[in-house]
Amino acid sequence: TSVRRSKGRLIQPVTDSSFNAWTKYYKQDENA
């Protein structure tokens, strides 16, 4: 469910999420 509700899954590969953990994942905003 958690993955399904994340629209980010449709634009961000999981390896990109890892690489950008320093900014995107750990600094999530309302559009995350």
Full PDB file with SEQRES, HELIX, SHEET, SSBOND, CRYST1, ORIGX, SCALE, CONECT and MASTER records, all heavy atoms in Angstrom:
SEQRES   1 A   32  THR SER VAL ARG ARG SER LYS GLY ARG LEU ILE GLN PRO          
SEQRES   2 A   32  VAL THR ASP SER SER PHE ASN ALA TRP THR LYS TYR TYR          
SEQRES   3 A   32  LYS GLN ASP GLU ASN ALA                                      
HELIX    1 AA1 LYS A    7  LEU A   10  5                                   4    
HELIX    2 AA2 VAL A   14  PHE A   19  1                                   6    
HELIX    3 AA3 ALA A   21  TYR A   25  3                                   5    
CRYST1    1.000    1.000    1.000  90.00  90.00  90.00 P 1           1          
ORIGX1      1.000000  0.000000  0.000000        0.00000                         
ORIGX2      0.000000  1.000000  0.000000        0.00000                         
ORIGX3      0.000000  0.000000  1.000000        0.00000                         
SCALE1      1.000000  0.000000  0.000000        0.00000                         
SCALE2      0.000000  1.000000  0.000000        0.00000                         
SCALE3      0.000000  0.000000  1.000000        0.00000                         
ATOM      1  N   THR A   1       0.831  -1.207   0.000  1.00  0.00           N  
ATOM      2  CA  THR A   1       0.000   0.000   0.000  1.00  0.00           C  
ATOM      3  C   THR A   1       0.860   1.249   0.000  1.00  0.00           C  
ATOM      4  O   THR A   1       0.596   2.219  -0.727  1.00  0.00           O  
ATOM      5  CB  THR A   1      -0.927   0.007   1.219  1.00  0.00           C  
ATOM      6  OG1 THR A   1      -1.822  -1.102   1.132  1.00  0.00           O  
ATOM      7  CG2 THR A   1      -1.739   1.296   1.292  1.00  0.00           C  
ATOM      8  N   SER A   2       1.887   1.256   0.825  1.00  0.00           N  
ATOM      9  CA  SER A   2       2.762   2.416   0.921  1.00  0.00           C  
ATOM     10  C   SER A   2       3.389   2.755  -0.424  1.00  0.00           C  
ATOM     11  O   SER A   2       3.448   3.929  -0.817  1.00  0.00           O  
ATOM     12  CB  SER A   2       3.859   2.148   1.960  1.00  0.00           C  
ATOM     13  OG  SER A   2       4.746   3.221   2.053  1.00  0.00           O  
ATOM     14  N   VAL A   3       3.842   1.747  -1.142  1.00  0.00           N  
ATOM     15  CA  VAL A   3       4.441   1.986  -2.455  1.00  0.00           C  
ATOM     16  C   VAL A   3       3.372   2.420  -3.451  1.00  0.00           C  
ATOM     17  O   VAL A   3       3.586   3.343  -4.247  1.00  0.00           O  
ATOM     18  CB  VAL A   3       5.170   0.726  -2.951  1.00  0.00           C  
ATOM     19  CG1 VAL A   3       5.693   0.922  -4.369  1.00  0.00           C  
ATOM     20  CG2 VAL A   3       6.316   0.382  -2.006  1.00  0.00           C  
ATOM     21  N   ARG A   4       2.215   1.795  -3.405  1.00  0.00           N  
ATOM     22  CA  ARG A   4       1.134   2.117  -4.337  1.00  0.00           C  
ATOM     23  C   ARG A   4       0.689   3.568  -4.190  1.00  0.00           C  
ATOM     24  O   ARG A   4       0.366   4.237  -5.186  1.00  0.00           O  
ATOM     25  CB  ARG A   4      -0.050   1.179  -4.079  1.00  0.00           C  
ATOM     26  CG  ARG A   4      -1.229   1.373  -5.014  1.00  0.00           C  
ATOM     27  CD  ARG A   4      -0.979   0.776  -6.379  1.00  0.00           C  
ATOM     28  NE  ARG A   4      -2.188   0.724  -7.180  1.00  0.00           N  
ATOM     29  CZ  ARG A   4      -2.320   0.032  -8.299  1.00  0.00           C  
ATOM     30  NH1 ARG A   4      -1.308  -0.693  -8.736  1.00  0.00           N  
ATOM     31  NH2 ARG A   4      -3.453   0.031  -8.973  1.00  0.00           N  
ATOM     32  N   ARG A   5       0.647   4.068  -2.968  1.00  0.00           N  
ATOM     33  CA  ARG A   5       0.188   5.439  -2.733  1.00  0.00           C  
ATOM     34  C   ARG A   5       1.252   6.475  -3.061  1.00  0.00           C  
ATOM     35  O   ARG A   5       0.957   7.674  -3.064  1.00  0.00           O  
ATOM     36  CB  ARG A   5      -0.263   5.579  -1.274  1.00  0.00           C  
ATOM     37  CG  ARG A   5      -1.531   4.828  -0.978  1.00  0.00           C  
ATOM     38  CD  ARG A   5      -1.984   5.019   0.454  1.00  0.00           C  
ATOM     39  NE  ARG A   5      -3.172   4.216   0.732  1.00  0.00           N  
ATOM     40  CZ  ARG A   5      -3.729   4.081   1.931  1.00  0.00           C  
ATOM     41  NH1 ARG A   5      -3.194   4.710   2.976  1.00  0.00           N  
ATOM     42  NH2 ARG A   5      -4.807   3.328   2.095  1.00  0.00           N  
ATOM     43  N   SER A   6       2.455   6.031  -3.306  1.00  0.00           N  
ATOM     44  CA  SER A   6       3.529   6.943  -3.675  1.00  0.00           C  
ATOM     45  C   SER A   6       3.526   7.155  -5.182  1.00  0.00           C  
ATOM     46  O   SER A   6       3.928   6.273  -5.943  1.00  0.00           O  
ATOM     47  CB  SER A   6       4.878   6.379  -3.231  1.00  0.00           C  
ATOM     48  OG  SER A   6       5.929   7.129  -3.772  1.00  0.00           O  
ATOM     49  N   LYS A   7       3.064   8.317  -5.622  1.00  0.00           N  
ATOM     50  CA  LYS A   7       3.091   8.613  -7.061  1.00  0.00           C  
ATOM     51  C   LYS A   7       4.519   8.791  -7.555  1.00  0.00           C  
ATOM     52  O   LYS A   7       4.782   8.722  -8.759  1.00  0.00           O  
ATOM     53  CB  LYS A   7       2.274   9.864  -7.351  1.00  0.00           C  
ATOM     54  CG  LYS A   7       0.859   9.823  -6.802  1.00  0.00           C  
ATOM     55  CD  LYS A   7       0.077   8.637  -7.304  1.00  0.00           C  
ATOM     56  CE  LYS A   7      -1.309   8.583  -6.680  1.00  0.00           C  
ATOM     57  NZ  LYS A   7      -2.035   7.358  -7.013  1.00  0.00           N  
ATOM     58  N   GLY A   8       5.434   9.009  -6.599  1.00  0.00           N  
ATOM     59  CA  GLY A   8       6.831   9.129  -6.963  1.00  0.00           C  
ATOM     60  C   GLY A   8       7.379   7.870  -7.599  1.00  0.00           C  
ATOM     61  O   GLY A   8       8.386   7.928  -8.315  1.00  0.00           O  
ATOM     62  N   ARG A   9       6.746   6.733  -7.366  1.00  0.00           N  
ATOM     63  CA  ARG A   9       7.209   5.476  -7.957  1.00  0.00           C  
ATOM     64  C   ARG A   9       7.131   5.526  -9.478  1.00  0.00           C  
ATOM     65  O   ARG A   9       7.811   4.748 -10.170  1.00  0.00           O  
ATOM     66  CB  ARG A   9       6.378   4.305  -7.434  1.00  0.00           C  
ATOM     67  CG  ARG A   9       5.003   4.164  -8.065  1.00  0.00           C  
ATOM     68  CD  ARG A   9       4.158   3.080  -7.424  1.00  0.00           C  
ATOM     69  NE  ARG A   9       2.977   2.758  -8.220  1.00  0.00           N  
ATOM     70  CZ  ARG A   9       1.861   3.477  -8.253  1.00  0.00           C  
ATOM     71  NH1 ARG A   9       1.762   4.568  -7.505  1.00  0.00           N  
ATOM     72  NH2 ARG A   9       0.852   3.107  -9.019  1.00  0.00           N  
ATOM     73  N   LEU A  10       6.283   6.410 -10.006  1.00  0.00           N  
ATOM     74  CA  LEU A  10       6.065   6.499 -11.451  1.00  0.00           C  
ATOM     75  C   LEU A  10       7.050   7.433 -12.135  1.00  0.00           C  
ATOM     76  O   LEU A  10       7.088   7.493 -13.366  1.00  0.00           O  
ATOM     77  CB  LEU A  10       4.635   6.970 -11.742  1.00  0.00           C  
ATOM     78  CG  LEU A  10       3.523   6.097 -11.148  1.00  0.00           C  
ATOM     79  CD1 LEU A  10       2.167   6.728 -11.399  1.00  0.00           C  
ATOM     80  CD2 LEU A  10       3.583   4.690 -11.730  1.00  0.00           C  
ATOM     81  N   ILE A  11       7.859   8.161 -11.338  1.00  0.00           N  
ATOM     82  CA  ILE A  11       8.817   9.091 -11.946  1.00  0.00           C  
ATOM     83  C   ILE A  11      10.237   8.918 -11.412  1.00  0.00           C  
ATOM     84  O   ILE A  11      11.172   9.448 -12.004  1.00  0.00           O  
ATOM     85  CB  ILE A  11       8.385  10.560 -11.761  1.00  0.00           C  
ATOM     86  CG1 ILE A  11       8.382  10.946 -10.284  1.00  0.00           C  
ATOM     87  CG2 ILE A  11       7.042  10.835 -12.390  1.00  0.00           C  
ATOM     88  CD1 ILE A  11       8.182  12.429 -10.065  1.00  0.00           C  
ATOM     89  N   GLN A  12      10.413   8.187 -10.315  1.00  0.00           N  
ATOM     90  CA  GLN A  12      11.742   8.050  -9.721  1.00  0.00           C  
ATOM     91  C   GLN A  12      12.098   6.578  -9.521  1.00  0.00           C  
ATOM     92  O   GLN A  12      11.464   5.879  -8.740  1.00  0.00           O  
ATOM     93  CB  GLN A  12      11.820   8.782  -8.370  1.00  0.00           C  
ATOM     94  CG  GLN A  12      13.216   8.769  -7.765  1.00  0.00           C  
ATOM     95  CD  GLN A  12      13.240   9.359  -6.368  1.00  0.00           C  
ATOM     96  OE1 GLN A  12      12.415   9.038  -5.522  1.00  0.00           O  
ATOM     97  NE2 GLN A  12      14.218  10.235  -6.113  1.00  0.00           N  
ATOM     98  N   PRO A  13      13.133   6.076 -10.206  1.00  0.00           N  
ATOM     99  CA  PRO A  13      13.606   4.708  -9.945  1.00  0.00           C  
ATOM    100  C   PRO A  13      14.135   4.596  -8.519  1.00  0.00           C  
ATOM    101  O   PRO A  13      14.587   5.575  -7.925  1.00  0.00           O  
ATOM    102  CB  PRO A  13      14.731   4.517 -10.969  1.00  0.00           C  
ATOM    103  CG  PRO A  13      14.484   5.554 -12.020  1.00  0.00           C  
ATOM    104  CD  PRO A  13      13.879   6.718 -11.303  1.00  0.00           C  
ATOM    105  N   VAL A  14      14.110   3.405  -7.973  1.00  0.00           N  
ATOM    106  CA  VAL A  14      14.526   3.214  -6.585  1.00  0.00           C  
ATOM    107  C   VAL A  14      16.017   3.498  -6.401  1.00  0.00           C  
ATOM    108  O   VAL A  14      16.442   3.972  -5.332  1.00  0.00           O  
ATOM    109  CB  VAL A  14      14.163   1.788  -6.116  1.00  0.00           C  
ATOM    110  CG1 VAL A  14      15.020   0.732  -6.797  1.00  0.00           C  
ATOM    111  CG2 VAL A  14      14.259   1.673  -4.607  1.00  0.00           C  
ATOM    112  N   THR A  15      16.831   3.266  -7.443  1.00  0.00           N  
ATOM    113  CA  THR A  15      18.254   3.582  -7.343  1.00  0.00           C  
ATOM    114  C   THR A  15      18.478   5.093  -7.318  1.00  0.00           C  
ATOM    115  O   THR A  15      19.417   5.586  -6.677  1.00  0.00           O  
ATOM    116  CB  THR A  15      19.035   2.961  -8.508  1.00  0.00           C  
ATOM    117  OG1 THR A  15      18.323   3.217  -9.741  1.00  0.00           O  
ATOM    118  CG2 THR A  15      19.178   1.460  -8.335  1.00  0.00           C  
ATOM    119  N   ASP A  16      17.628   5.836  -8.004  1.00  0.00           N  
ATOM    120  CA  ASP A  16      17.707   7.298  -7.963  1.00  0.00           C  
ATOM    121  C   ASP A  16      17.303   7.813  -6.587  1.00  0.00           C  
ATOM    122  O   ASP A  16      17.885   8.763  -6.064  1.00  0.00           O  
ATOM    123  CB  ASP A  16      16.796   7.900  -9.037  1.00  0.00           C  
ATOM    124  CG  ASP A  16      16.841   9.419  -9.056  1.00  0.00           C  
ATOM    125  OD1 ASP A  16      17.804   9.973  -9.604  1.00  0.00           O  
ATOM    126  OD2 ASP A  16      15.914  10.064  -8.508  1.00  0.00           O  
ATOM    127  N   SER A  17      16.295   7.180  -5.976  1.00  0.00           N  
ATOM    128  CA  SER A  17      15.902   7.541  -4.617  1.00  0.00           C  
ATOM    129  C   SER A  17      17.073   7.358  -3.666  1.00  0.00           C  
ATOM    130  O   SER A  17      17.311   8.199  -2.783  1.00  0.00           O  
ATOM    131  CB  SER A  17      14.718   6.688  -4.165  1.00  0.00           C  
ATOM    132  OG  SER A  17      14.386   6.947  -2.819  1.00  0.00           O  
ATOM    133  N   SER A  18      17.821   6.269  -3.839  1.00  0.00           N  
ATOM    134  CA  SER A  18      18.994   6.020  -3.010  1.00  0.00           C  
ATOM    135  C   SER A  18      20.060   7.079  -3.233  1.00  0.00           C  
ATOM    136  O   SER A  18      20.588   7.663  -2.281  1.00  0.00           O  
ATOM    137  CB  SER A  18      19.561   4.633  -3.327  1.00  0.00           C  
ATOM    138  OG  SER A  18      20.813   4.432  -2.708  1.00  0.00           O  
ATOM    139  N   PHE A  19      20.380   7.352  -4.472  1.00  0.00           N  
ATOM    140  CA  PHE A  19      21.446   8.301  -4.790  1.00  0.00           C  
ATOM    141  C   PHE A  19      21.122   9.695  -4.264  1.00  0.00           C  
ATOM    142  O   PHE A  19      22.001  10.421  -3.800  1.00  0.00           O  
ATOM    143  CB  PHE A  19      21.652   8.343  -6.308  1.00  0.00           C  
ATOM    144  CG  PHE A  19      22.941   8.990  -6.726  1.00  0.00           C  
ATOM    145  CD1 PHE A  19      24.115   8.264  -6.755  1.00  0.00           C  
ATOM    146  CD2 PHE A  19      22.982  10.329  -7.081  1.00  0.00           C  
ATOM    147  CE1 PHE A  19      25.321   8.860  -7.140  1.00  0.00           C  
ATOM    148  CE2 PHE A  19      24.170  10.939  -7.458  1.00  0.00           C  
ATOM    149  CZ  PHE A  19      25.349  10.199  -7.489  1.00  0.00           C  
ATOM    150  N   ASN A  20      19.859  10.067  -4.324  1.00  0.00           N  
ATOM    151  CA  ASN A  20      19.424  11.391  -3.889  1.00  0.00           C  
ATOM    152  C   ASN A  20      18.841  11.395  -2.481  1.00  0.00           C  
ATOM    153  O   ASN A  20      18.099  12.310  -2.117  1.00  0.00           O  
ATOM    154  CB  ASN A  20      18.402  11.952  -4.876  1.00  0.00           C  
ATOM    155  CG  ASN A  20      19.042  12.356  -6.191  1.00  0.00           C  
ATOM    156  OD1 ASN A  20      19.751  13.352  -6.270  1.00  0.00           O  
ATOM    157  ND2 ASN A  20      18.812  11.563  -7.235  1.00  0.00           N  
ATOM    158  N   ALA A  21      19.197  10.394  -1.683  1.00  0.00           N  
ATOM    159  CA  ALA A  21      18.707  10.340  -0.310  1.00  0.00           C  
ATOM    160  C   ALA A  21      19.067  11.603   0.461  1.00  0.00           C  
ATOM    161  O   ALA A  21      18.302  12.074   1.306  1.00  0.00           O  
ATOM    162  CB  ALA A  21      19.288   9.121   0.401  1.00  0.00           C  
ATOM    163  N   TRP A  22      20.219  12.165   0.151  1.00  0.00           N  
ATOM    164  CA  TRP A  22      20.725  13.332   0.879  1.00  0.00           C  
ATOM    165  C   TRP A  22      19.836  14.554   0.720  1.00  0.00           C  
ATOM    166  O   TRP A  22      19.852  15.441   1.593  1.00  0.00           O  
ATOM    167  CB  TRP A  22      22.133  13.662   0.373  1.00  0.00           C  
ATOM    168  CG  TRP A  22      23.072  12.528   0.567  1.00  0.00           C  
ATOM    169  CD1 TRP A  22      23.353  11.521  -0.311  1.00  0.00           C  
ATOM    170  CD2 TRP A  22      23.852  12.261   1.730  1.00  0.00           C  
ATOM    171  NE1 TRP A  22      24.260  10.649   0.225  1.00  0.00           N  
ATOM    172  CE2 TRP A  22      24.588  11.082   1.484  1.00  0.00           C  
ATOM    173  CE3 TRP A  22      24.010  12.907   2.951  1.00  0.00           C  
ATOM    174  CZ2 TRP A  22      25.460  10.539   2.413  1.00  0.00           C  
ATOM    175  CZ3 TRP A  22      24.881  12.374   3.886  1.00  0.00           C  
ATOM    176  CH2 TRP A  22      25.598  11.191   3.614  1.00  0.00           C  
ATOM    177  N   THR A  23      19.109  14.621  -0.338  1.00  0.00           N  
ATOM    178  CA  THR A  23      18.275  15.799  -0.581  1.00  0.00           C  
ATOM    179  C   THR A  23      16.800  15.434  -0.659  1.00  0.00           C  
ATOM    180  O   THR A  23      15.999  15.889   0.144  1.00  0.00           O  
ATOM    181  CB  THR A  23      18.717  16.502  -1.879  1.00  0.00           C  
ATOM    182  OG1 THR A  23      18.766  15.533  -2.947  1.00  0.00           O  
ATOM    183  CG2 THR A  23      20.082  17.134  -1.713  1.00  0.00           C  
ATOM    184  N   LYS A  24      16.449  14.571  -1.589  1.00  0.00           N  
ATOM    185  CA  LYS A  24      15.027  14.311  -1.823  1.00  0.00           C  
ATOM    186  C   LYS A  24      14.390  13.464  -0.723  1.00  0.00           C  
ATOM    187  O   LYS A  24      13.332  13.806  -0.197  1.00  0.00           O  
ATOM    188  CB  LYS A  24      14.832  13.651  -3.191  1.00  0.00           C  
ATOM    189  CG  LYS A  24      15.119  14.574  -4.357  1.00  0.00           C  
ATOM    190  CD  LYS A  24      14.753  13.935  -5.693  1.00  0.00           C  
ATOM    191  CE  LYS A  24      14.972  14.909  -6.839  1.00  0.00           C  
ATOM    192  NZ  LYS A  24      14.575  14.312  -8.148  1.00  0.00           N  
ATOM    193  N   TYR A  25      15.030  12.340  -0.360  1.00  0.00           N  
ATOM    194  CA  TYR A  25      14.372  11.457   0.598  1.00  0.00           C  
ATOM    195  C   TYR A  25      14.404  12.034   2.013  1.00  0.00           C  
ATOM    196  O   TYR A  25      13.413  11.998   2.734  1.00  0.00           O  
ATOM    197  CB  TYR A  25      14.992  10.056   0.588  1.00  0.00           C  
ATOM    198  CG  TYR A  25      14.219   9.101   1.467  1.00  0.00           C  
ATOM    199  CD1 TYR A  25      13.033   8.534   1.024  1.00  0.00           C  
ATOM    200  CD2 TYR A  25      14.638   8.816   2.765  1.00  0.00           C  
ATOM    201  CE1 TYR A  25      12.290   7.698   1.830  1.00  0.00           C  
ATOM    202  CE2 TYR A  25      13.902   7.983   3.582  1.00  0.00           C  
ATOM    203  CZ  TYR A  25      12.729   7.429   3.114  1.00  0.00           C  
ATOM    204  OH  TYR A  25      11.969   6.613   3.927  1.00  0.00           O  
ATOM    205  N   TYR A  26      15.546  12.546   2.430  1.00  0.00           N  
ATOM    206  CA  TYR A  26      15.673  13.045   3.799  1.00  0.00           C  
ATOM    207  C   TYR A  26      15.188  14.485   3.962  1.00  0.00           C  
ATOM    208  O   TYR A  26      15.137  14.975   5.093  1.00  0.00           O  
ATOM    209  CB  TYR A  26      17.118  12.914   4.280  1.00  0.00           C  
ATOM    210  CG  TYR A  26      17.371  11.604   4.986  1.00  0.00           C  
ATOM    211  CD1 TYR A  26      17.808  10.484   4.298  1.00  0.00           C  
ATOM    212  CD2 TYR A  26      17.141  11.477   6.350  1.00  0.00           C  
ATOM    213  CE1 TYR A  26      18.021   9.276   4.946  1.00  0.00           C  
ATOM    214  CE2 TYR A  26      17.352  10.278   7.011  1.00  0.00           C  
ATOM    215  CZ  TYR A  26      17.789   9.178   6.302  1.00  0.00           C  
ATOM    216  OH  TYR A  26      17.991   7.988   6.957  1.00  0.00           O  
ATOM    217  N   LYS A  27      14.851  15.139   2.872  1.00  0.00           N  
ATOM    218  CA  LYS A  27      14.342  16.510   2.952  1.00  0.00           C  
ATOM    219  C   LYS A  27      13.021  16.618   2.199  1.00  0.00           C  
ATOM    220  O   LYS A  27      12.832  17.477   1.349  1.00  0.00           O  
ATOM    221  CB  LYS A  27      15.373  17.492   2.396  1.00  0.00           C  
ATOM    222  CG  LYS A  27      16.677  17.518   3.172  1.00  0.00           C  
ATOM    223  CD  LYS A  27      17.654  18.530   2.599  1.00  0.00           C  
ATOM    224  CE  LYS A  27      18.955  18.565   3.387  1.00  0.00           C  
ATOM    225  NZ  LYS A  27      19.931  19.543   2.839  1.00  0.00           N  
ATOM    226  N   GLN A  28      12.115  15.731   2.546  1.00  0.00           N  
ATOM    227  CA  GLN A  28      10.844  15.685   1.827  1.00  0.00           C  
ATOM    228  C   GLN A  28       9.976  16.891   2.162  1.00  0.00           C  
ATOM    229  O   GLN A  28       9.920  17.343   3.305  1.00  0.00           O  
ATOM    230  CB  GLN A  28      10.108  14.395   2.166  1.00  0.00           C  
ATOM    231  CG  GLN A  28      10.840  13.151   1.685  1.00  0.00           C  
ATOM    232  CD  GLN A  28      10.044  11.874   1.867  1.00  0.00           C  
ATOM    233  OE1 GLN A  28       8.821  11.891   1.803  1.00  0.00           O  
ATOM    234  NE2 GLN A  28      10.734  10.765   2.068  1.00  0.00           N  
ATOM    235  N   ASP A  29       9.285  17.380   1.148  1.00  0.00           N  
ATOM    236  CA  ASP A  29       8.338  18.466   1.334  1.00  0.00           C  
ATOM    237  C   ASP A  29       6.938  17.963   1.015  1.00  0.00           C  
ATOM    238  O   ASP A  29       6.703  16.753   0.873  1.00  0.00           O  
ATOM    239  CB  ASP A  29       8.710  19.680   0.473  1.00  0.00           C  
ATOM    240  CG  ASP A  29       8.770  19.345  -1.030  1.00  0.00           C  
ATOM    241  OD1 ASP A  29       8.207  18.305  -1.439  1.00  0.00           O  
ATOM    242  OD2 ASP A  29       9.380  20.126  -1.780  1.00  0.00           O  
ATOM    243  N   GLU A  30       6.005  18.878   0.905  1.00  0.00           N  
ATOM    244  CA  GLU A  30       4.601  18.498   0.699  1.00  0.00           C  
ATOM    245  C   GLU A  30       4.365  17.806  -0.642  1.00  0.00           C  
ATOM    246  O   GLU A  30       3.367  17.107  -0.816  1.00  0.00           O  
ATOM    247  CB  GLU A  30       3.701  19.737   0.813  1.00  0.00           C  
ATOM    248  CG  GLU A  30       3.905  20.789  -0.267  1.00  0.00           C  
ATOM    249  CD  GLU A  30       5.144  21.646  -0.056  1.00  0.00           C  
ATOM    250  OE1 GLU A  30       5.702  21.620   1.066  1.00  0.00           O  
ATOM    251  OE2 GLU A  30       5.559  22.325  -1.012  1.00  0.00           O  
ATOM    252  N   ASN A  31       5.303  17.968  -1.590  1.00  0.00           N  
ATOM    253  CA  ASN A  31       5.130  17.320  -2.890  1.00  0.00           C  
ATOM    254  C   ASN A  31       5.814  15.961  -2.956  1.00  0.00           C  
ATOM    255  O   ASN A  31       5.750  15.292  -3.983  1.00  0.00           O  
ATOM    256  CB  ASN A  31       5.676  18.234  -4.006  1.00  0.00           C  
ATOM    257  CG  ASN A  31       5.291  17.747  -5.389  1.00  0.00           C  
ATOM    258  OD1 ASN A  31       4.121  17.463  -5.660  1.00  0.00           O  
ATOM    259  ND2 ASN A  31       6.258  17.637  -6.277  1.00  0.00           N  
ATOM    260  N   ALA A  32       6.424  15.528  -1.884  1.00  0.00           N  
ATOM    261  CA  ALA A  32       7.152  14.263  -1.892  1.00  0.00           C  
ATOM    262  C   ALA A  32       6.295  13.070  -2.327  1.00  0.00           C  
ATOM    263  O   ALA A  32       6.784  12.208  -3.054  1.00  0.00           O  
ATOM    264  CB  ALA A  32       7.771  14.004  -0.520  1.00  0.00           C  
TER     265      ALA A  32                                                      
MASTER        0    0    0    3    0    0    0    6  264    1    0    3          
END                                                                             
